[in-house]
Amino acid sequence: MSWLEKAVIGTDRLLYRLTGGKVMTVSFSKQTGLTLLTVGAKSGEPRENQVQYVADGAGMLVVGSNWGKPHHPAWTANLIKTPDAAVNVRGKISTVHATLLEGAERETAWRKMVAAWPAFEDYLARSGGRELRVFRLLPVER
């Protein structure tokens, strides 16, 4: 699976730069994707990560699946340390505030994510028992 992960990540980075975020690999499927623009938790440097999302009212849900690896993706630590971030959805950049979901709210969001992309259950199974972090991204008015 790692070859697929590397191919998708590399392709998404290239598409992001070529199209200004208007096209991602998920653009060719029924899934929705965004580029998450965060500040590195350790470095303080700008970071970009392409992730799938599910619409949730005025906001979006994202999950730190990390393709089922046993550790959380770095972008989740970035959001925990600095929850104010930005997203690029089809070329439109918006400011968002991230909330790490817990308990019943997380479970409801998780079910919604799995309904949209059943492979999240596979990622969970491969993660070695790690609880995948689920965030709600809500727009922030400038």
Foldseek 3Di string as FASTA:
>chain_A
DVVVVVVQFVQQVVCCVVQVFLDGPCVVDPWFKKWWWFQQPPPRHIDIDIFTWDDDVQWIKTKQLVQLAQDGDRVVSRCVNPQWTWIQGNNDIFIWGKDWDDDPVVVVRVVVVCVRPVCSVVSCVSNVNDDIIMIIIHTDDD
